[in-house]
Amino acid sequence: MIVVIAAALTLVGTGAAADAPVPELTARVTDETGTLTAEQRANLEQRLKAFEAQKGSQISVLIVPTTQPETIEQYSMRVVEQWKLGRKSVDDGVLLIVAKNDRSLRIEVGYGLEGALNDATSNRIINETIVPRFRQGDFYGGITAGVDSIMRVVNGEPLPAARERRDEHRGVGQLLPVLFVLTVVAGGVLRSILGRFAGAVVTGGAIGVLAWLLSGAILVAVVAGAIALVFTLLGSGMGAYVGGRFIGGRSGGFGSGSNRDIFRGGGGGFGGGGASGRW
């Protein structure tokens, strides 16, 4: 009986050590330790953003205090499974993760880059480029040099151009400001002429047709028209031309919101390729 109780307590104690949480992905550089200064994070962020715009591949940096009770390999897979770095069906994502208190790091490589950024190459970047700088306490230098090496390797991989992914939603992104202005202007004028409900219906129909003509996508047209209808119907003081000039009303709807650049993964997959190291 004593042995059974002891075994049960051991299992409970083991289960009590919860896995380290995976941070939400909002930026290309996530530092949970305060190791990097705001300027260093911004510089890295800008370089990774420019690289993604040029190449299409998504590279992200994560610094955490520890991955315990998991190994860095286990934790890293949980991160990439949640973040889904890289383009869907291209799988060209890379995660450079540093567990500072554990003195361990890893490069996790998406399926699509395993040919170029293979295990041996990842291992060389870690041991020849990153680890020597980490041993000198130069974490920013090590991470920057490691990221540069990763980008050079990825640049040699024949991947679909970055433009191919952006083109899928290019029309939508360019249409939003135009459709918002037209909704505000046309909605205000038509409501004042036809009344709230009729004006909203006509505005929604007109915006939907215009969205279809500009994008060629029925779904975009339906969504744009519905949003314009609701925006015009429920809004107040949307604005109208009075005395030859536009009088703006209360802001809101699909054109409002923060301009903050929120980074998101593109749906890429990972299979455990890459390498780990310690310093």
Protein backbone atom coordinates (compact mmCIF):
# COMPACT_ATOMS: atom_id res chain seq x y z
CA MET A 1 0.00 0.00 0.00
CA ILE A 2 2.81 2.40 0.89
CA VAL A 3 4.51 1.69 -2.44
CA VAL A 4 1.27 2.41 -4.34
CA ILE A 5 0.75 5.70 -2.51
CA ALA A 6 4.34 6.75 -3.15
CA ALA A 7 4.00 5.95 -6.83
CA ALA A 8 0.77 7.95 -7.04
CA LEU A 9 2.37 10.95 -5.36
CA THR A 10 5.26 10.76 -7.79
CA LEU A 11 2.88 10.82 -10.74
CA VAL A 12 0.99 13.77 -9.30
CA GLY A 13 4.21 15.64 -8.68
CA THR A 14 5.36 14.99 -12.23
CA GLY A 15 2.07 16.20 -13.70
CA ALA A 16 2.17 19.33 -11.56
CA ALA A 17 5.07 20.71 -13.60
CA ALA A 18 3.08 22.45 -16.32
CA ASP A 19 4.51 22.94 -19.78
CA ALA A 20 5.89 26.40 -20.51
CA PRO A 21 3.26 28.49 -22.32
CA VAL A 22 3.69 29.39 -25.99
CA PRO A 23 3.59 33.18 -26.46
CA GLU A 24 1.09 34.66 -28.87
CA LEU A 25 2.60 35.46 -32.25
CA THR A 26 2.34 39.21 -32.83
CA ALA A 27 5.82 40.06 -34.12
CA ARG A 28 8.74 38.44 -35.90
CA VAL A 29 10.90 38.92 -32.81
CA THR A 30 9.47 37.83 -29.45
CA ASP A 31 11.67 38.36 -26.40
CA GLU A 32 10.17 37.07 -23.16
CA THR A 33 13.39 37.76 -21.23
CA GLY A 34 14.14 41.42 -21.89
CA THR A 35 17.50 40.45 -23.38
CA LEU A 36 17.16 42.70 -26.41
CA THR A 37 16.64 46.44 -26.28
CA ALA A 38 13.68 48.02 -28.04
CA GLU A 39 16.01 49.32 -30.74
CA GLN A 40 17.59 45.90 -31.26
CA ARG A 41 14.17 44.27 -31.56
CA ALA A 42 13.06 46.92 -34.03
CA ASN A 43 16.18 46.47 -36.17
CA LEU A 44 15.76 42.70 -36.28
CA GLU A 45 12.06 43.04 -36.97
CA GLN A 46 12.69 45.34 -39.91
CA ARG A 47 15.31 43.06 -41.43
CA LEU A 48 13.05 40.02 -41.17
CA LYS A 49 10.10 41.93 -42.56
CA ALA A 50 12.13 43.13 -45.54
CA PHE A 51 13.38 39.60 -46.16
CA GLU A 52 9.85 38.21 -46.13
CA ALA A 53 8.72 40.89 -48.60
CA GLN A 54 11.60 39.99 -50.92
CA LYS A 55 11.68 36.21 -50.59
CA GLY A 56 8.36 35.20 -49.09
CA SER A 57 9.85 33.01 -46.36
CA GLN A 58 8.95 33.77 -42.76
CA ILE A 59 11.76 33.75 -40.19
CA SER A 60 10.96 34.37 -36.54
CA VAL A 61 13.05 34.73 -33.38
CA LEU A 62 11.83 33.64 -29.95
CA ILE A 63 13.73 34.14 -26.68
CA VAL A 64 12.27 32.49 -23.58
CA PRO A 65 13.67 31.98 -20.07
CA THR A 66 13.26 28.20 -20.17
CA THR A 67 11.46 25.39 -21.96
CA GLN A 68 11.38 23.17 -18.87
CA PRO A 69 10.01 20.63 -18.17
CA GLU A 70 10.22 19.97 -21.91
CA THR A 71 13.35 19.77 -24.01
CA ILE A 72 13.92 22.63 -26.40
CA GLU A 73 13.05 20.26 -29.28
CA GLN A 74 9.66 19.43 -27.76
CA TYR A 75 8.84 23.02 -26.91
CA SER A 76 10.01 24.30 -30.30
CA MET A 77 7.66 21.94 -32.11
CA ARG A 78 4.77 23.16 -29.99
CA VAL A 79 5.66 26.72 -30.94
CA VAL A 80 5.81 26.15 -34.69
CA GLU A 81 2.67 24.02 -34.66
CA GLN A 82 0.85 26.96 -33.08
CA TRP A 83 2.56 29.76 -35.02
CA LYS A 84 2.54 28.04 -38.45
CA LEU A 85 5.41 30.06 -39.85
CA GLY A 86 5.90 30.03 -43.62
CA ARG A 87 3.53 29.96 -46.54
CA LYS A 88 0.88 27.30 -46.74
CA SER A 89 1.88 24.47 -49.10
CA VAL A 90 5.34 26.05 -49.44
CA ASP A 91 6.27 25.48 -45.78
CA ASP A 92 9.16 27.93 -45.84
CA GLY A 93 9.18 28.98 -42.20
CA VAL A 94 12.14 29.07 -39.82
CA LEU A 95 12.19 29.57 -36.06
CA LEU A 96 15.33 30.53 -34.15
CA ILE A 97 14.55 29.84 -30.51
CA VAL A 98 16.78 30.63 -27.52
CA ALA A 99 16.12 29.31 -24.00
CA LYS A 100 18.36 31.67 -22.09
CA ASN A 101 18.35 30.11 -18.62
CA ASP A 102 18.77 26.63 -20.11
CA ARG A 103 21.69 27.86 -22.25
CA SER A 104 20.20 26.08 -25.23
CA LEU A 105 19.00 27.12 -28.67
CA ARG A 106 17.52 25.58 -31.77
CA ILE A 107 16.81 26.30 -35.42
CA GLU A 108 13.47 24.74 -36.40
CA VAL A 109 13.06 24.37 -40.15
CA GLY A 110 9.88 24.04 -42.20
CA TYR A 111 9.38 21.18 -44.65
CA GLY A 112 10.01 23.37 -47.68
CA LEU A 113 13.47 24.49 -46.54
CA GLU A 114 14.84 21.18 -45.31
CA GLY A 115 16.75 20.76 -48.58
CA ALA A 116 18.76 23.95 -48.22
CA LEU A 117 18.68 24.62 -44.48
CA ASN A 118 19.30 20.98 -43.62
CA ASP A 119 20.34 19.61 -40.23
CA ALA A 120 24.06 19.87 -40.96
CA THR A 121 23.79 23.48 -42.18
CA SER A 122 21.65 24.47 -39.20
CA ASN A 123 24.18 22.84 -36.88
CA ARG A 124 27.03 24.83 -38.44
CA ILE A 125 25.14 28.11 -38.08
CA ILE A 126 24.53 27.35 -34.41
CA ASN A 127 28.01 26.17 -33.46
CA GLU A 128 30.14 28.36 -35.72
CA THR A 129 28.14 31.59 -35.82
CA ILE A 130 25.77 31.90 -32.86
CA VAL A 131 27.31 29.98 -29.95
CA PRO A 132 30.73 31.75 -29.98
CA ARG A 133 29.00 35.13 -29.61
CA PHE A 134 26.63 33.84 -26.94
CA ARG A 135 29.62 32.62 -24.92
CA GLN A 136 30.91 36.20 -24.93
CA GLY A 137 27.54 37.47 -23.70
CA ASP A 138 26.72 39.04 -27.07
CA PHE A 139 23.17 37.77 -27.55
CA TYR A 140 22.12 40.40 -30.05
CA GLY A 141 25.25 39.83 -32.11
CA GLY A 142 24.74 36.07 -32.06
CA ILE A 143 21.09 36.27 -33.03
CA THR A 144 21.74 38.82 -35.77
CA ALA A 145 24.62 36.83 -37.23
CA GLY A 146 22.55 33.65 -37.06
CA VAL A 147 19.58 35.28 -38.77
CA ASP A 148 21.86 36.66 -41.49
CA SER A 149 23.28 33.19 -42.11
CA ILE A 150 19.79 31.68 -42.26
CA MET A 151 18.66 34.32 -44.75
CA ARG A 152 21.70 33.72 -46.97
CA VAL A 153 20.99 29.99 -47.05
CA VAL A 154 17.29 30.47 -47.73
CA ASN A 155 18.12 32.88 -50.56
CA GLY A 156 19.78 30.02 -52.39
CA GLU A 157 16.65 27.87 -52.28
CA PRO A 158 14.44 28.02 -55.41
CA LEU A 159 11.12 29.04 -53.90
CA PRO A 160 7.99 30.67 -55.32
CA ALA A 161 8.41 34.42 -55.46
CA ALA A 162 7.10 36.32 -52.46
CA ARG A 163 4.76 38.21 -54.78
CA GLU A 164 2.71 35.09 -55.48
CA ARG A 165 1.34 34.94 -51.95
CA ARG A 166 0.70 38.68 -51.74
CA ASP A 167 -1.13 38.71 -55.06
CA GLU A 168 -3.83 36.46 -53.64
CA HIS A 169 -5.10 39.31 -51.47
CA ARG A 170 -3.57 42.28 -53.26
CA GLY A 171 -6.89 43.42 -54.68
CA VAL A 172 -8.63 43.25 -51.31
CA GLY A 173 -5.92 45.22 -49.55
CA GLN A 174 -5.95 47.96 -52.18
CA LEU A 175 -9.73 48.09 -52.34
CA LEU A 176 -10.45 48.61 -48.65
CA PRO A 177 -9.51 52.32 -48.43
CA VAL A 178 -11.32 53.10 -51.68
CA LEU A 179 -14.46 51.20 -50.70
CA PHE A 180 -14.49 52.78 -47.26
CA VAL A 181 -14.36 56.31 -48.67
CA LEU A 182 -17.03 55.49 -51.23
CA THR A 183 -19.25 53.95 -48.55
CA VAL A 184 -18.97 57.04 -46.36
CA VAL A 185 -19.58 59.45 -49.24
CA ALA A 186 -22.23 57.49 -51.15
CA GLY A 187 -23.95 56.28 -47.98
CA GLY A 188 -24.29 59.80 -46.62
CA VAL A 189 -25.64 61.18 -49.89
CA LEU A 190 -28.02 58.30 -50.62
CA ARG A 191 -29.38 58.21 -47.07
CA SER A 192 -30.17 61.89 -47.23
CA ILE A 193 -31.96 61.41 -50.56
CA LEU A 194 -33.62 57.99 -50.23
CA GLY A 195 -33.85 57.54 -46.48
CA ARG A 196 -31.92 55.33 -44.09
CA PHE A 197 -33.01 51.85 -45.25
CA ALA A 198 -33.29 52.48 -49.00
CA GLY A 199 -30.04 54.43 -48.98
CA ALA A 200 -28.26 51.62 -47.17
CA VAL A 201 -29.56 48.99 -49.62
CA VAL A 202 -28.55 51.01 -52.66
CA THR A 203 -25.14 51.78 -51.15
CA GLY A 204 -24.50 48.12 -50.34
CA GLY A 205 -25.50 47.05 -53.85
CA ALA A 206 -23.36 49.69 -55.51
CA ILE A 207 -20.30 48.91 -53.37
CA GLY A 208 -20.76 45.18 -54.00
CA VAL A 209 -20.90 45.66 -57.78
CA LEU A 210 -17.88 47.95 -57.69
CA ALA A 211 -15.90 45.48 -55.57
CA TRP A 212 -16.74 42.70 -58.02
CA LEU A 213 -15.67 44.79 -61.03
CA LEU A 214 -12.37 45.75 -59.39
CA SER A 215 -11.45 42.39 -57.82
CA GLY A 216 -13.23 39.87 -60.01
CA ALA A 217 -14.12 37.87 -56.88
CA ILE A 218 -17.76 37.21 -55.97
CA LEU A 219 -16.91 36.58 -52.31
CA VAL A 220 -15.14 39.93 -52.03
CA ALA A 221 -18.13 41.64 -53.64
CA VAL A 222 -20.65 40.01 -51.29
CA VAL A 223 -18.63 40.80 -48.17
CA ALA A 224 -17.93 44.39 -49.24
CA GLY A 225 -21.57 44.99 -50.12
CA ALA A 226 -22.83 43.54 -46.84
CA ILE A 227 -20.40 45.61 -44.79
CA ALA A 228 -21.32 48.77 -46.70
CA LEU A 229 -25.03 48.09 -46.15
CA VAL A 230 -24.65 47.55 -42.40
CA PHE A 231 -22.22 50.45 -42.05
CA THR A 232 -24.63 52.84 -43.77
CA LEU A 233 -27.76 51.47 -42.08
CA LEU A 234 -26.49 51.50 -38.50
CA GLY A 235 -24.14 54.46 -38.66
CA SER A 236 -25.14 57.97 -37.83
CA GLY A 237 -23.79 61.13 -39.28
CA MET A 238 -21.89 59.28 -42.01
CA GLY A 239 -21.37 62.46 -43.91
CA ALA A 240 -22.71 64.04 -47.06
CA TYR A 241 -21.97 66.72 -49.57
CA VAL A 242 -23.38 69.97 -48.29
CA GLY A 243 -22.79 73.23 -50.10
CA GLY A 244 -20.26 71.62 -52.43
CA ARG A 245 -18.04 70.10 -49.75
CA PHE A 246 -18.00 66.83 -47.87
CA ILE A 247 -18.98 66.91 -44.22
CA GLY A 248 -17.59 63.85 -42.46
CA GLY A 249 -19.49 62.11 -39.70
CA ARG A 250 -18.59 59.74 -36.89
CA SER A 251 -15.86 57.30 -37.76
CA GLY A 252 -16.22 53.54 -37.54
CA GLY A 253 -16.81 50.39 -39.57
CA PHE A 254 -14.34 48.36 -41.57
CA GLY A 255 -12.05 51.30 -42.26
CA SER A 256 -11.27 52.01 -38.62
CA GLY A 257 -8.89 50.28 -36.27
CA SER A 258 -5.28 50.24 -35.29
CA ASN A 259 -2.46 50.56 -37.83
CA ARG A 260 -0.26 48.28 -35.74
CA ASP A 261 1.60 45.71 -37.82
CA ILE A 262 0.51 42.38 -36.34
CA PHE A 263 2.63 39.49 -37.62
CA ARG A 264 0.90 36.20 -38.35
CA GLY A 265 2.08 32.83 -39.59
CA GLY A 266 1.09 31.82 -43.10
CA GLY A 267 0.07 28.22 -42.45
CA GLY A 268 3.41 26.50 -43.00
CA GLY A 269 4.22 23.02 -41.72
CA PHE A 270 7.17 21.59 -39.80
CA GLY A 271 8.45 18.07 -39.38
CA GLY A 272 11.24 18.40 -36.83
CA GLY A 273 14.06 19.35 -39.21
CA GLY A 274 16.84 21.58 -37.92
CA ALA A 275 19.42 21.43 -35.16
CA SER A 276 19.94 22.27 -31.50
CA GLY A 277 22.95 23.48 -29.52
CA ARG A 278 24.21 24.77 -26.21
CA TRP A 279 26.67 27.40 -25.07
